Amino acid sequence: MLVLILAVFVVCWLPQMVSLLYAELRPDRSKQLPPWYEHFSYFARYLTHLNSAINPIIYAGFNDNFKREFLNLCRGKKKKCRYSTIVSRVDSFQSSTHMTKV
C-alpha cells in the first residue's frame, strides 16, 4: 500500500514541480512563457488536487473493515447500534466592568 501511495503522489505532483521549475529556471526569463505552458500548468494543478481525492480511495480499498462494512451496507444488513454515554463538563466564569470618574 505504501508503494502505491508514493507512486500516486509522484505521478500527481511531478508535473506541478516540473511546471514551477520550468517557469523559474528557463533560460530566457524576459520572454513570455510559451502558449502550451498555461495548459500544462492547469493540468498539473488539476493532478495535485486529484491526489487528495485518490488517497481516501486507496486507503479505503486496502482496509478490510471498510470493505466488509461497505458490502454490508450495500446488501442492506443492519448493524446494532451501540450507545455510549458522553459526559461533558462546562466551565463558566463571571466578568464585570467598573467605570470610574477622573
N, C-alpha and C. Protein backbone atom coordinates (compact mmCIF):
# COMPACT_ATOMS: atom_id res chain seq x y z
N MET A 1 0.83 -1.19 0.00
CA MET A 1 0.00 0.00 0.00
C MET A 1 0.88 1.26 0.00
N LEU A 2 1.95 1.25 0.75
CA LEU A 2 2.82 2.42 0.82
C LEU A 2 3.43 2.75 -0.54
N VAL A 3 3.83 1.72 -1.27
CA VAL A 3 4.41 1.93 -2.60
C VAL A 3 3.37 2.56 -3.52
N LEU A 4 2.14 2.10 -3.44
CA LEU A 4 1.07 2.66 -4.28
C LEU A 4 0.81 4.12 -3.93
N ILE A 5 0.77 4.43 -2.65
CA ILE A 5 0.54 5.82 -2.23
C ILE A 5 1.68 6.72 -2.71
N LEU A 6 2.91 6.25 -2.58
CA LEU A 6 4.06 7.04 -3.06
C LEU A 6 4.04 7.20 -4.57
N ALA A 7 3.68 6.14 -5.29
CA ALA A 7 3.62 6.22 -6.75
C ALA A 7 2.56 7.22 -7.20
N VAL A 8 1.40 7.18 -6.58
CA VAL A 8 0.33 8.13 -6.93
C VAL A 8 0.77 9.55 -6.59
N PHE A 9 1.44 9.73 -5.47
CA PHE A 9 1.94 11.05 -5.09
C PHE A 9 2.91 11.59 -6.14
N VAL A 10 3.85 10.77 -6.55
CA VAL A 10 4.84 11.21 -7.55
C VAL A 10 4.17 11.53 -8.87
N VAL A 11 3.28 10.67 -9.32
CA VAL A 11 2.60 10.90 -10.60
C VAL A 11 1.77 12.18 -10.55
N CYS A 12 1.13 12.44 -9.42
CA CYS A 12 0.26 13.62 -9.32
C CYS A 12 1.02 14.92 -9.09
N TRP A 13 2.13 14.86 -8.39
CA TRP A 13 2.84 16.10 -8.06
C TRP A 13 4.02 16.42 -8.97
N LEU A 14 4.56 15.44 -9.67
CA LEU A 14 5.72 15.69 -10.53
C LEU A 14 5.43 16.73 -11.63
N PRO A 15 4.29 16.67 -12.33
CA PRO A 15 4.04 17.71 -13.34
C PRO A 15 4.00 19.13 -12.75
N GLN A 16 3.47 19.27 -11.55
CA GLN A 16 3.43 20.59 -10.91
C GLN A 16 4.84 21.09 -10.61
N MET A 17 5.68 20.20 -10.12
CA MET A 17 7.05 20.59 -9.82
C MET A 17 7.81 20.94 -11.10
N VAL A 18 7.60 20.18 -12.16
CA VAL A 18 8.24 20.47 -13.45
C VAL A 18 7.76 21.82 -13.96
N SER A 19 6.48 22.08 -13.84
CA SER A 19 5.91 23.35 -14.29
C SER A 19 6.53 24.54 -13.54
N LEU A 20 6.63 24.42 -12.24
CA LEU A 20 7.21 25.51 -11.44
C LEU A 20 8.70 25.69 -11.73
N LEU A 21 9.41 24.59 -11.84
CA LEU A 21 10.84 24.68 -12.14
C LEU A 21 11.08 25.28 -13.52
N TYR A 22 10.27 24.90 -14.49
CA TYR A 22 10.43 25.46 -15.84
C TYR A 22 10.20 26.97 -15.82
N ALA A 23 9.17 27.40 -15.11
CA ALA A 23 8.86 28.84 -15.07
C ALA A 23 9.98 29.63 -14.40
N GLU A 24 10.62 29.06 -13.41
CA GLU A 24 11.66 29.78 -12.67
C GLU A 24 13.06 29.63 -13.27
N LEU A 25 13.33 28.49 -13.88
CA LEU A 25 14.70 28.22 -14.34
C LEU A 25 14.86 28.23 -15.85
N ARG A 26 13.88 28.72 -16.59
CA ARG A 26 14.01 28.75 -18.06
C ARG A 26 15.13 29.70 -18.45
N PRO A 27 15.75 29.46 -19.58
CA PRO A 27 16.93 30.23 -19.98
C PRO A 27 16.67 31.73 -20.16
N ASP A 28 15.57 32.07 -20.79
CA ASP A 28 15.32 33.49 -21.07
C ASP A 28 14.04 33.92 -20.36
N ARG A 29 14.17 34.39 -19.14
CA ARG A 29 13.00 34.74 -18.34
C ARG A 29 12.38 36.06 -18.76
N SER A 30 13.05 36.82 -19.60
CA SER A 30 12.48 38.10 -20.03
C SER A 30 11.36 37.91 -21.06
N LYS A 31 11.34 36.76 -21.72
CA LYS A 31 10.30 36.47 -22.71
C LYS A 31 9.07 35.89 -22.04
N GLN A 32 7.96 35.95 -22.77
CA GLN A 32 6.72 35.35 -22.31
C GLN A 32 6.88 33.83 -22.24
N LEU A 33 6.08 33.22 -21.40
CA LEU A 33 6.05 31.76 -21.37
C LEU A 33 5.39 31.26 -22.65
N PRO A 34 5.77 30.08 -23.12
CA PRO A 34 5.18 29.56 -24.36
C PRO A 34 3.67 29.32 -24.20
N PRO A 35 2.94 29.27 -25.30
CA PRO A 35 1.48 29.10 -25.22
C PRO A 35 1.05 27.79 -24.56
N TRP A 36 1.83 26.75 -24.72
CA TRP A 36 1.46 25.46 -24.14
C TRP A 36 1.60 25.45 -22.62
N TYR A 37 2.35 26.40 -22.06
CA TYR A 37 2.63 26.38 -20.63
C TYR A 37 1.36 26.54 -19.79
N GLU A 38 0.46 27.40 -20.23
CA GLU A 38 -0.77 27.63 -19.47
C GLU A 38 -1.60 26.35 -19.36
N HIS A 39 -1.71 25.62 -20.46
CA HIS A 39 -2.46 24.36 -20.45
C HIS A 39 -1.76 23.31 -19.58
N PHE A 40 -0.46 23.23 -19.69
CA PHE A 40 0.30 22.28 -18.89
C PHE A 40 0.19 22.62 -17.40
N SER A 41 0.26 23.89 -17.08
CA SER A 41 0.16 24.33 -15.69
C SER A 41 -1.22 24.00 -15.11
N TYR A 42 -2.26 24.22 -15.90
CA TYR A 42 -3.61 23.89 -15.45
C TYR A 42 -3.73 22.38 -15.20
N PHE A 43 -3.24 21.58 -16.13
CA PHE A 43 -3.27 20.13 -15.99
C PHE A 43 -2.50 19.69 -14.74
N ALA A 44 -1.35 20.31 -14.50
CA ALA A 44 -0.53 19.96 -13.33
C ALA A 44 -1.26 20.29 -12.03
N ARG A 45 -1.91 21.45 -11.99
CA ARG A 45 -2.68 21.81 -10.79
C ARG A 45 -3.85 20.86 -10.58
N TYR A 46 -4.49 20.46 -11.66
CA TYR A 46 -5.59 19.51 -11.58
C TYR A 46 -5.11 18.20 -10.96
N LEU A 47 -3.95 17.73 -11.38
CA LEU A 47 -3.42 16.48 -10.83
C LEU A 47 -3.11 16.59 -9.34
N THR A 48 -2.64 17.74 -8.89
CA THR A 48 -2.34 17.87 -7.46
C THR A 48 -3.62 17.77 -6.63
N HIS A 49 -4.70 18.32 -7.14
CA HIS A 49 -5.99 18.20 -6.43
C HIS A 49 -6.52 16.77 -6.52
N LEU A 50 -6.28 16.14 -7.64
CA LEU A 50 -6.72 14.76 -7.81
C LEU A 50 -6.04 13.83 -6.81
N ASN A 51 -4.81 14.13 -6.45
CA ASN A 51 -4.10 13.33 -5.46
C ASN A 51 -4.86 13.28 -4.14
N SER A 52 -5.42 14.40 -3.73
CA SER A 52 -6.19 14.43 -2.49
C SER A 52 -7.48 13.63 -2.60
N ALA A 53 -8.02 13.52 -3.78
CA ALA A 53 -9.24 12.73 -3.97
C ALA A 53 -8.94 11.24 -4.07
N ILE A 54 -7.78 10.89 -4.56
CA ILE A 54 -7.42 9.48 -4.74
C ILE A 54 -7.00 8.83 -3.42
N ASN A 55 -6.34 9.58 -2.55
CA ASN A 55 -5.83 9.00 -1.30
C ASN A 55 -6.90 8.28 -0.47
N PRO A 56 -8.06 8.89 -0.21
CA PRO A 56 -9.07 8.15 0.57
C PRO A 56 -9.53 6.87 -0.11
N ILE A 57 -9.57 6.88 -1.43
CA ILE A 57 -9.98 5.67 -2.16
C ILE A 57 -8.94 4.57 -1.96
N ILE A 58 -7.68 4.93 -2.00
CA ILE A 58 -6.61 3.94 -1.79
C ILE A 58 -6.69 3.39 -0.37
N TYR A 59 -6.81 4.28 0.61
CA TYR A 59 -6.87 3.82 2.00
C TYR A 59 -8.08 2.92 2.22
N ALA A 60 -9.23 3.30 1.66
CA ALA A 60 -10.44 2.50 1.83
C ALA A 60 -10.32 1.16 1.12
N GLY A 61 -9.66 1.14 -0.01
CA GLY A 61 -9.52 -0.10 -0.76
C GLY A 61 -8.65 -1.13 -0.07
N PHE A 62 -7.74 -0.69 0.76
CA PHE A 62 -6.85 -1.62 1.45
C PHE A 62 -7.27 -1.89 2.89
N ASN A 63 -8.37 -1.32 3.34
CA ASN A 63 -8.83 -1.51 4.70
C ASN A 63 -9.93 -2.57 4.70
N ASP A 64 -9.66 -3.72 5.29
CA ASP A 64 -10.62 -4.83 5.28
C ASP A 64 -11.90 -4.50 6.02
N ASN A 65 -11.80 -3.79 7.14
CA ASN A 65 -13.01 -3.41 7.88
C ASN A 65 -13.91 -2.52 7.04
N PHE A 66 -13.32 -1.58 6.34
CA PHE A 66 -14.11 -0.69 5.50
C PHE A 66 -14.81 -1.49 4.40
N LYS A 67 -14.09 -2.37 3.73
CA LYS A 67 -14.68 -3.16 2.65
C LYS A 67 -15.84 -4.02 3.17
N ARG A 68 -15.65 -4.66 4.32
CA ARG A 68 -16.69 -5.52 4.88
C ARG A 68 -17.94 -4.71 5.22
N GLU A 69 -17.76 -3.59 5.89
CA GLU A 69 -18.91 -2.78 6.28
C GLU A 69 -19.59 -2.14 5.07
N PHE A 70 -18.82 -1.78 4.06
CA PHE A 70 -19.41 -1.21 2.85
C PHE A 70 -20.27 -2.25 2.14
N LEU A 71 -19.79 -3.50 2.07
CA LEU A 71 -20.59 -4.57 1.47
C LEU A 71 -21.85 -4.83 2.28
N ASN A 72 -21.74 -4.81 3.59
CA ASN A 72 -22.93 -4.97 4.44
C ASN A 72 -23.93 -3.85 4.19
N LEU A 73 -23.45 -2.66 4.03
CA LEU A 73 -24.32 -1.52 3.75
C LEU A 73 -25.02 -1.69 2.41
N CYS A 74 -24.29 -2.15 1.40
CA CYS A 74 -24.88 -2.35 0.07
C CYS A 74 -25.89 -3.49 0.07
N ARG A 75 -25.67 -4.50 0.89
CA ARG A 75 -26.60 -5.63 0.97
C ARG A 75 -27.81 -5.32 1.84
N GLY A 76 -27.77 -4.23 2.56
CA GLY A 76 -28.90 -3.85 3.40
C GLY A 76 -28.87 -4.45 4.79
N LYS A 77 -27.75 -5.01 5.18
CA LYS A 77 -27.64 -5.56 6.53
C LYS A 77 -27.54 -4.42 7.53
N LYS A 78 -28.35 -4.55 8.58
CA LYS A 78 -28.32 -3.52 9.61
C LYS A 78 -27.44 -3.98 10.76
N LYS A 79 -26.74 -3.05 11.31
CA LYS A 79 -25.86 -3.34 12.43
C LYS A 79 -26.52 -2.76 13.68
N LYS A 80 -26.44 -3.49 14.77
CA LYS A 80 -26.99 -2.98 16.01
C LYS A 80 -26.20 -1.77 16.45
N CYS A 81 -26.93 -0.76 16.86
CA CYS A 81 -26.27 0.46 17.32
C CYS A 81 -25.84 0.29 18.76
N ARG A 82 -24.68 0.77 19.04
CA ARG A 82 -24.19 0.78 20.41
C ARG A 82 -24.24 2.22 20.90
N TYR A 83 -24.82 2.39 22.04
CA TYR A 83 -24.91 3.73 22.61
C TYR A 83 -23.86 3.89 23.69
N SER A 84 -23.30 5.04 23.74
CA SER A 84 -22.33 5.32 24.78
C SER A 84 -22.73 6.61 25.47
N THR A 85 -22.34 6.70 26.69
CA THR A 85 -22.64 7.89 27.47
C THR A 85 -21.49 8.87 27.32
N ILE A 86 -21.83 10.08 27.00
CA ILE A 86 -20.82 11.12 26.86
C ILE A 86 -21.00 12.09 28.02
N VAL A 87 -19.97 12.25 28.76
CA VAL A 87 -20.00 13.17 29.89
C VAL A 87 -19.30 14.44 29.46
N SER A 88 -19.98 15.54 29.63
CA SER A 88 -19.35 16.81 29.27
C SER A 88 -19.30 17.71 30.50
N ARG A 89 -18.35 18.58 30.49
CA ARG A 89 -18.17 19.50 31.60
C ARG A 89 -18.11 20.90 31.02
N VAL A 90 -18.87 21.77 31.61
CA VAL A 90 -18.90 23.15 31.14
C VAL A 90 -18.32 24.03 32.24
N ASP A 91 -17.32 24.77 31.88
CA ASP A 91 -16.74 25.73 32.81
C ASP A 91 -17.34 27.10 32.52
N SER A 92 -17.63 27.81 33.57
CA SER A 92 -18.15 29.16 33.36
C SER A 92 -17.40 30.12 34.27
N PHE A 93 -17.41 31.36 33.88
CA PHE A 93 -16.77 32.37 34.70
C PHE A 93 -17.58 33.65 34.59
N GLN A 94 -17.39 34.51 35.56
CA GLN A 94 -18.13 35.76 35.58
C GLN A 94 -17.13 36.90 35.42
N SER A 95 -17.51 37.85 34.59
CA SER A 95 -16.65 39.01 34.43
C SER A 95 -17.48 40.26 34.66
N SER A 96 -16.82 41.30 35.10
CA SER A 96 -17.54 42.55 35.33
C SER A 96 -16.64 43.71 34.94
N THR A 97 -17.27 44.83 34.64
CA THR A 97 -16.55 46.03 34.27
C THR A 97 -16.99 47.15 35.20
N HIS A 98 -16.04 47.91 35.71
CA HIS A 98 -16.34 49.03 36.60
C HIS A 98 -15.87 50.31 35.94
N MET A 99 -16.70 51.34 36.02
CA MET A 99 -16.33 52.64 35.47
C MET A 99 -16.05 53.59 36.63
N THR A 100 -15.05 54.41 36.46
CA THR A 100 -14.72 55.41 37.48
C THR A 100 -14.62 56.77 36.83
N LYS A 101 -14.88 57.82 37.62
CA LYS A 101 -14.74 59.19 37.12
C LYS A 101 -13.33 59.66 37.34
N VAL A 102 -12.84 60.46 36.40
CA VAL A 102 -11.49 61.00 36.53
C VAL A 102 -11.58 62.48 36.80
